[in-house]
Amino acid sequence: MDAKMTMQIVDSPEKIDVLYENSPVWILSVKGNKAKVRFLETGKESEVPVNGLVTMH
């Protein structure tokens, strides 16, 4: 995914399921090509590259 798509997900009123390395995450913020995410299974927060994020269809 790219930074523009990531920002659209952050700004969306709908819940959009996103994965990072096959783990569900919640996008907290985006800065450039990095996103701060919370891993839903562990609650851990981390900064990850936006190109590693994928939406679940």
Protein backbone atom coordinates (compact mmCIF):
# COMPACT_ATOMS: atom_id res chain seq x y z
CA MET A 1 0.00 0.00 0.00
CA ASP A 2 1.19 3.57 -0.50
CA ALA A 3 1.11 6.58 1.84
CA LYS A 4 -1.95 8.12 0.12
CA MET A 5 -4.02 4.94 0.55
CA THR A 6 -2.86 4.65 4.16
CA MET A 7 -4.06 8.20 4.90
CA GLN A 8 -7.42 7.43 3.26
CA ILE A 9 -7.81 4.46 5.61
CA VAL A 10 -6.90 6.59 8.64
CA ASP A 11 -9.43 9.26 7.59
CA SER A 12 -12.19 6.78 6.71
CA PRO A 13 -15.25 6.62 8.99
CA GLU A 14 -15.50 2.91 8.19
CA LYS A 15 -13.43 0.16 9.81
CA ILE A 16 -10.99 -1.21 7.25
CA ASP A 17 -9.10 -4.38 8.14
CA VAL A 18 -5.36 -4.00 7.61
CA LEU A 19 -2.54 -6.52 8.00
CA TYR A 20 1.18 -6.13 8.52
CA GLU A 21 3.18 -9.34 8.04
CA ASN A 22 -0.09 -11.32 8.34
CA SER A 23 -0.99 -9.70 11.69
CA PRO A 24 -4.04 -7.44 12.05
CA VAL A 25 -3.13 -3.83 12.87
CA TRP A 26 -4.83 -0.52 13.55
CA ILE A 27 -3.17 2.47 11.85
CA LEU A 28 -2.62 5.23 14.40
CA SER A 29 -0.81 7.78 12.23
CA VAL A 30 1.14 8.21 9.02
CA LYS A 31 4.29 10.27 8.47
CA GLY A 32 5.82 10.04 5.02
CA ASN A 33 6.34 6.38 4.14
CA LYS A 34 6.05 5.18 7.74
CA ALA A 35 2.93 4.31 9.70
CA LYS A 36 2.55 3.98 13.44
CA VAL A 37 0.38 0.93 14.06
CA ARG A 38 -1.04 -1.02 16.99
CA PHE A 39 -0.99 -4.79 16.64
CA LEU A 40 -4.50 -5.90 17.56
CA GLU A 41 -3.45 -9.27 18.98
CA THR A 42 -0.75 -7.93 21.32
CA GLY A 43 -1.48 -4.22 21.77
CA LYS A 44 2.15 -3.48 20.87
CA GLU A 45 2.76 -0.26 18.93
CA SER A 46 5.39 -0.03 16.23
CA GLU A 47 6.47 2.12 13.28
CA VAL A 48 6.32 0.16 10.03
CA PRO A 49 6.78 0.95 6.31
CA VAL A 50 3.45 1.71 4.64
CA ASN A 51 4.37 -0.52 1.69
CA GLY A 52 4.22 -3.47 4.12
CA LEU A 53 0.56 -2.83 4.96
CA VAL A 54 -2.18 -4.66 3.08
CA THR A 55 -5.96 -4.50 3.28
CA MET A 56 -8.01 -7.62 3.88
CA HIS A 57 -10.60 -8.26 1.19
